[in-house]
Protein backbone atom coordinates (compact mmCIF):
# COMPACT_ATOMS: atom_id res chain seq x y z
CA MET A 1 -0.09 0.17 0.02
CA ALA A 2 2.67 1.92 0.72
CA ILE A 3 4.70 1.77 -2.31
CA GLY A 4 1.23 2.18 -4.06
CA ALA A 5 1.08 5.54 -2.39
CA VAL A 6 4.15 6.80 -3.46
CA ILE A 7 3.78 5.88 -7.07
CA PHE A 8 0.55 7.59 -6.82
CA LEU A 9 1.77 10.29 -5.49
CA SER A 10 4.33 10.51 -7.94
CA ALA A 11 1.73 10.58 -10.85
CA VAL A 12 0.00 13.22 -9.64
CA GLY A 13 3.15 15.13 -9.25
CA LEU A 14 4.68 14.64 -12.46
CA LYS A 15 1.46 15.58 -14.29
CA SER A 16 1.25 18.68 -12.45
CA LEU A 17 4.46 19.43 -13.75
CA GLN A 18 3.37 18.63 -17.10
CA ARG A 19 0.80 20.57 -17.75
CA PRO A 20 1.21 23.53 -20.03
CA VAL A 21 2.26 26.88 -18.24
CA VAL A 22 0.53 30.32 -18.58
CA ARG A 23 2.98 32.62 -17.30
CA ILE A 24 2.25 36.46 -16.76
CA ASP A 25 5.91 38.33 -16.60
CA ALA A 26 6.68 41.45 -14.61
CA ASP A 27 6.44 43.35 -18.65
CA GLU A 28 2.94 42.22 -19.24
CA LEU A 29 1.77 42.53 -15.86
CA ASN A 30 2.63 46.53 -16.11
CA GLN A 31 1.61 46.64 -19.66
CA LEU A 32 -2.17 45.76 -18.45
CA GLY A 33 -1.84 47.84 -15.77
CA ALA A 34 -0.66 51.05 -17.84
CA TYR A 35 -3.40 50.12 -20.50
CA TRP A 36 -6.45 49.84 -17.54
CA GLU A 37 -4.75 53.48 -16.06
CA GLN A 38 -4.99 54.63 -19.88
CA GLN A 39 -8.57 53.92 -20.03
CA MET A 40 -9.80 54.59 -16.82
CA GLN A 41 -7.44 57.72 -15.70
CA ARG A 42 -6.58 55.99 -12.84
CA PRO A 43 -4.23 53.09 -11.32
CA PRO A 44 -6.08 49.53 -10.81
CA THR A 45 -6.81 48.83 -7.02
CA ARG A 46 -5.06 45.35 -5.68
CA ASP A 47 -8.52 43.67 -6.33
CA GLU A 48 -8.89 45.33 -9.51
CA LEU A 49 -5.51 44.16 -10.52
CA ARG A 50 -6.37 40.66 -9.76
CA GLY A 51 -9.61 40.71 -11.63
CA ILE A 52 -7.34 42.11 -14.86
CA ILE A 53 -5.17 39.41 -14.82
CA GLY A 54 -7.43 36.98 -14.29
CA GLU A 55 -9.20 37.92 -17.34
CA ARG A 56 -5.57 38.03 -19.11
CA VAL A 57 -5.25 34.21 -17.68
CA ASP A 58 -8.69 33.21 -18.95
CA GLU A 59 -7.95 34.73 -22.63
CA GLU A 60 -4.95 32.80 -22.95
CA ILE A 61 -6.30 29.44 -21.64
CA LEU A 62 -9.15 30.20 -24.25
CA ALA A 63 -7.09 30.75 -27.28
CA ARG A 64 -4.67 28.05 -26.73
CA GLU A 65 -7.78 25.68 -26.30
CA ALA A 66 -9.10 26.82 -29.43
CA ARG A 67 -5.67 26.72 -31.62
CA SER A 68 -5.83 23.14 -30.25
CA GLN A 69 -9.06 22.54 -31.62
CA GLY A 70 -8.26 24.06 -34.79
CA LEU A 71 -10.75 26.54 -34.34
CA ASP A 72 -8.47 29.17 -35.84
CA LYS A 73 -8.47 27.99 -39.11
CA ASP A 74 -10.36 29.16 -42.11
CA ASP A 75 -11.40 32.11 -39.85
CA ILE A 76 -11.11 35.23 -42.04
CA ILE A 77 -10.67 37.53 -38.86
CA VAL A 78 -8.08 35.86 -37.42
CA ARG A 79 -6.19 35.42 -40.88
CA ARG A 80 -6.64 39.41 -41.76
CA ARG A 81 -5.17 40.10 -37.82
CA LEU A 82 -2.10 37.52 -38.76
CA ALA A 83 -1.77 39.13 -41.95
CA GLN A 84 -1.58 42.70 -40.46
CA LYS A 85 1.02 41.68 -37.96
CA MET A 86 2.99 40.19 -40.29
CA ALA A 87 3.19 43.45 -42.18
CA PHE A 88 4.03 45.33 -39.29
CA ALA A 89 6.62 42.81 -38.23
CA SER A 90 8.17 43.15 -41.52
CA GLU A 91 8.52 47.51 -40.57
CA ASP A 92 10.53 46.27 -37.50
CA THR A 93 13.08 44.19 -39.68
CA ALA A 94 13.81 46.63 -41.73
CA PRO A 95 15.43 49.81 -40.65
CA ILE A 96 15.19 52.74 -42.33
CA PRO A 97 17.67 55.47 -42.31
CA GLU A 98 16.80 58.76 -41.38
CA PRO A 99 16.54 60.69 -44.60
CA ASP A 100 18.97 63.94 -45.15
CA ASP A 101 17.35 67.10 -46.23
CA ALA A 102 19.02 66.60 -49.87
CA THR A 103 16.35 64.01 -49.70
CA LEU A 104 13.50 65.72 -48.20
CA GLN A 105 14.41 68.72 -50.99
CA ALA A 106 14.07 66.10 -54.01
CA LEU A 107 10.32 64.71 -52.08
CA TYR A 108 9.54 68.18 -52.12
CA ALA A 109 10.26 69.38 -55.70
CA ARG A 110 8.09 65.81 -56.63
CA THR A 111 5.09 66.39 -54.46
CA ALA A 112 4.95 70.57 -54.54
CA GLY A 113 1.18 70.41 -55.26
CA VAL A 114 0.15 68.33 -52.89
CA TYR A 115 0.95 70.73 -50.48
CA ALA A 116 0.10 73.91 -52.24
CA THR A 117 -2.76 75.84 -50.22
CA PRO A 118 -5.82 75.93 -52.80
CA GLU A 119 -7.22 79.20 -54.26
CA ARG A 120 -9.97 80.58 -52.24
CA LEU A 121 -12.87 83.07 -53.00
CA ALA A 122 -15.48 85.81 -51.62
CA LEU A 123 -18.34 84.99 -52.84
CA SER A 124 -21.50 86.73 -52.72
CA GLN A 125 -25.01 85.05 -54.35
CA VAL A 126 -28.77 85.53 -54.96
CA TYR A 127 -31.11 82.25 -54.78
CA PHE A 128 -33.90 81.77 -56.37
CA SER A 129 -36.12 78.87 -55.32
CA GLU A 130 -37.56 76.25 -57.89
CA THR A 131 -40.87 76.09 -55.89
CA ARG A 132 -42.14 79.45 -57.92
CA GLY A 133 -41.61 76.06 -60.88
CA ALA A 134 -38.25 75.55 -62.47
CA ASP A 135 -38.40 78.14 -66.07
CA ALA A 136 -40.39 81.14 -63.53
CA ALA A 137 -37.31 81.21 -61.05
CA LYS A 138 -34.65 81.55 -63.47
CA GLY A 139 -36.59 84.05 -65.51
CA ALA A 140 -36.55 85.97 -61.70
CA ALA A 141 -33.25 85.29 -61.49
CA LEU A 142 -32.37 86.60 -65.36
CA ALA A 143 -34.70 89.69 -64.24
CA ALA A 144 -32.61 90.11 -61.09
CA LEU A 145 -29.49 89.87 -63.16
CA GLY A 146 -30.55 92.88 -65.43
CA ARG A 147 -31.15 94.89 -62.49
CA LEU A 148 -27.66 94.15 -60.46
CA LYS A 149 -25.63 95.06 -63.54
CA THR A 150 -27.30 98.63 -63.88
CA GLY A 151 -27.39 99.05 -60.07
CA ALA A 152 -31.51 98.98 -59.65
CA PRO A 153 -32.83 98.23 -56.34
CA GLY A 154 -33.61 94.88 -55.55
CA THR A 155 -33.08 91.49 -56.37
CA GLY A 156 -36.68 89.38 -55.47
CA GLY A 157 -34.21 86.84 -54.25
CA ASP A 158 -35.91 84.11 -52.12
CA PRO A 159 -34.70 82.76 -48.15
CA PHE A 160 -32.13 80.20 -48.20
CA VAL A 161 -30.69 77.58 -46.10
CA MET A 162 -26.66 77.84 -47.00
CA PRO A 163 -24.60 80.91 -46.38
CA LEU A 164 -25.26 84.07 -49.31
CA THR A 165 -22.51 85.60 -48.35
CA TYR A 166 -18.51 83.47 -48.24
CA ALA A 167 -15.59 85.37 -46.72
CA ASP A 168 -13.07 82.47 -47.43
CA ILE A 169 -14.07 79.17 -49.42
CA THR A 170 -12.79 76.63 -51.49
CA LEU A 171 -13.63 75.90 -55.01
CA PRO A 172 -13.81 72.19 -54.41
CA ASP A 173 -15.83 73.14 -51.20
CA LEU A 174 -18.45 75.26 -53.21
CA GLY A 175 -18.07 71.86 -55.53
CA ARG A 176 -19.28 70.11 -52.82
CA ASP A 177 -22.05 71.90 -51.78
CA TYR A 178 -23.49 73.17 -55.26
CA GLY A 179 -22.07 70.81 -57.75
CA GLU A 180 -19.43 71.10 -60.87
CA ASP A 181 -21.52 73.84 -62.80
CA TYR A 182 -21.60 76.06 -59.69
CA ALA A 183 -17.95 76.00 -58.69
CA ARG A 184 -16.97 76.53 -62.65
CA ALA A 185 -18.93 79.66 -63.06
CA ALA A 186 -17.27 80.72 -60.23
CA ALA A 187 -13.85 79.93 -61.34
CA ALA A 188 -14.96 82.00 -64.17
CA ALA A 189 -16.25 84.98 -62.98
CA ALA A 190 -14.26 88.06 -63.04
CA PRO A 191 -14.09 89.51 -59.09
CA GLY A 192 -17.12 92.40 -59.06
CA SER A 193 -19.17 91.36 -61.71
CA TRP A 194 -22.74 89.29 -60.83
CA ILE A 195 -22.91 85.87 -63.38
CA GLY A 196 -25.67 83.50 -63.94
CA PRO A 197 -28.07 82.35 -63.65
CA VAL A 198 -26.21 79.19 -62.61
CA ARG A 199 -28.26 76.24 -61.99
CA SER A 200 -27.88 73.92 -58.52
CA ALA A 201 -29.36 71.32 -56.86
CA TYR A 202 -31.23 73.92 -54.84
CA GLY A 203 -32.01 76.40 -57.16
CA TRP A 204 -30.79 78.90 -59.52
CA HIS A 205 -28.20 81.49 -58.65
CA LEU A 206 -26.50 84.84 -59.31
CA LEU A 207 -22.91 84.85 -58.27
CA ARG A 208 -20.21 87.56 -57.61
CA VAL A 209 -16.87 86.95 -56.87
CA ASP A 210 -15.95 89.57 -54.44
CA GLY A 211 -12.01 88.62 -53.89
CA ARG A 212 -9.86 85.80 -54.77
CA ILE A 213 -6.35 84.64 -52.29
CA PRO A 214 -4.39 82.61 -54.87
CA SER A 215 -2.97 79.31 -54.55
CA ALA A 216 -0.30 79.37 -52.28
CA GLN A 217 3.23 76.99 -51.99
CA PRO A 218 4.24 77.04 -48.33
CA ALA A 219 8.10 76.69 -47.52
CA PHE A 220 10.23 73.64 -47.15
CA ALA A 221 11.09 74.40 -43.62
CA SER A 222 7.40 74.71 -42.87
CA LEU A 223 6.80 71.36 -44.52
CA ARG A 224 9.89 69.20 -42.93
CA ALA A 225 8.58 67.07 -40.60
CA GLN A 226 5.07 66.31 -42.88
CA LEU A 227 7.96 65.61 -45.80
CA ARG A 228 9.77 63.34 -43.39
CA GLU A 229 6.77 61.85 -42.47
CA ALA A 230 5.44 60.87 -45.79
CA TRP A 231 9.26 59.15 -47.21
CA PHE A 232 9.21 57.01 -44.74
CA ALA A 233 5.57 55.69 -45.70
CA ASP A 234 6.86 55.73 -48.84
CA GLN A 235 9.80 54.08 -47.64
CA ARG A 236 8.25 51.40 -45.60
CA GLN A 237 5.56 50.88 -48.56
CA LYS A 238 8.40 49.53 -51.00
CA ALA A 239 9.72 47.68 -47.79
CA ASN A 240 6.65 45.76 -48.00
CA THR A 241 6.23 45.32 -51.39
CA ALA A 242 9.65 43.81 -51.83
CA MET A 243 8.80 41.37 -49.19
CA MET A 244 5.54 40.63 -50.98
CA ASP A 245 7.38 40.02 -53.99
CA ARG A 246 9.82 37.79 -52.12
CA LEU A 247 7.14 35.83 -50.07
CA ARG A 248 5.49 34.78 -53.16
CA LYS A 249 8.10 33.31 -55.00
CA ARG A 250 8.09 30.62 -51.94
CA TYR A 251 4.23 29.52 -52.66
CA ARG A 252 2.75 27.63 -55.54
CA VAL A 253 -0.92 29.51 -55.71
CA GLU A 254 -4.01 27.48 -57.35
CA ILE A 255 -7.18 29.86 -57.86
CA ALA A 256 -10.45 27.55 -58.62
CA GLY A 257 -11.86 27.23 -61.87
CA ALA A 258 -14.36 29.76 -61.33
CA ILE A 259 -12.25 33.04 -61.70
CA ALA A 260 -9.12 31.07 -63.69
CA GLY A 261 -10.68 28.91 -66.14
CA GLY A 262 -14.12 30.95 -66.53
CA ALA A 263 -17.77 30.22 -65.15
CA GLY A 264 -18.97 26.65 -65.09
CA ARG A 265 -16.30 25.12 -65.08
CA ALA A 266 -13.95 23.28 -62.38
CA SER A 267 -10.46 23.82 -63.50
CA SER A 268 -7.74 25.61 -61.38
CA ALA A 269 -4.71 28.04 -62.42
CA THR A 270 -1.41 27.67 -61.24
CA VAL A 271 1.27 30.28 -60.42
CA ALA A 272 4.24 28.57 -59.60
CA PRO A 273 7.55 30.03 -57.76
CA GLU A 274 10.20 31.02 -59.92
CA PRO A 275 13.06 28.98 -60.33
CA ASN A 276 15.48 30.93 -58.11
CA ALA A 277 12.89 30.97 -54.90
CA ASP A 278 14.09 31.53 -51.70
């Protein structure tokens, strides 16, 4: 009986030692506490920290059990997340050197239009609603245009939910709010003269451009930080593209016939790796 008891206890102890270990090290513990503090704007209490650790342990156990049962296979969310992490990992393994001013100056020259401030307008308008009827609204606008050009009082315009004057607006903003025909008319208008009528989704408009602030190119010095970020983003994209080119050569890709061979055909297309694949 004594020998049996020793064997039994030894077996139980050995089985306990063979159980998988869930380990929360000091770095992860600090990270969990910091994340809680960031969310709650205060450090966790001892009981809250115990609860956080319990949730993290349960999460790890469930994740391991799910993997052991193959639940991570053929899951589009898991696959996309892994692909994202691999892409991020590739950025860490390929450090990008700091660009010098000559490199950033060259980028500035190539992308000058991206950073240029758009032309801005000061603009006045008179609005005519089509609740009068489309033809009646256009006719009222033409009559008002004649009065405005001769300096006669009164325009006969209608109330409008949008501003009747703008001190500082871009042509893209006008196009977004009123349509491209309106923006083109404003772009071509000579300052100080009433033009129209111009139709929008709201009705008919008379326009007068009261002033223009031309497009301007910011100086290199004011854009250096933005140019640096843009350069790093471009280099990371190139590194990811090169990594994907290398990885694709390691795989043989087969695509079902509905795409590669035409609808209704059960063929497959194969893309084989190149002879000098890694």
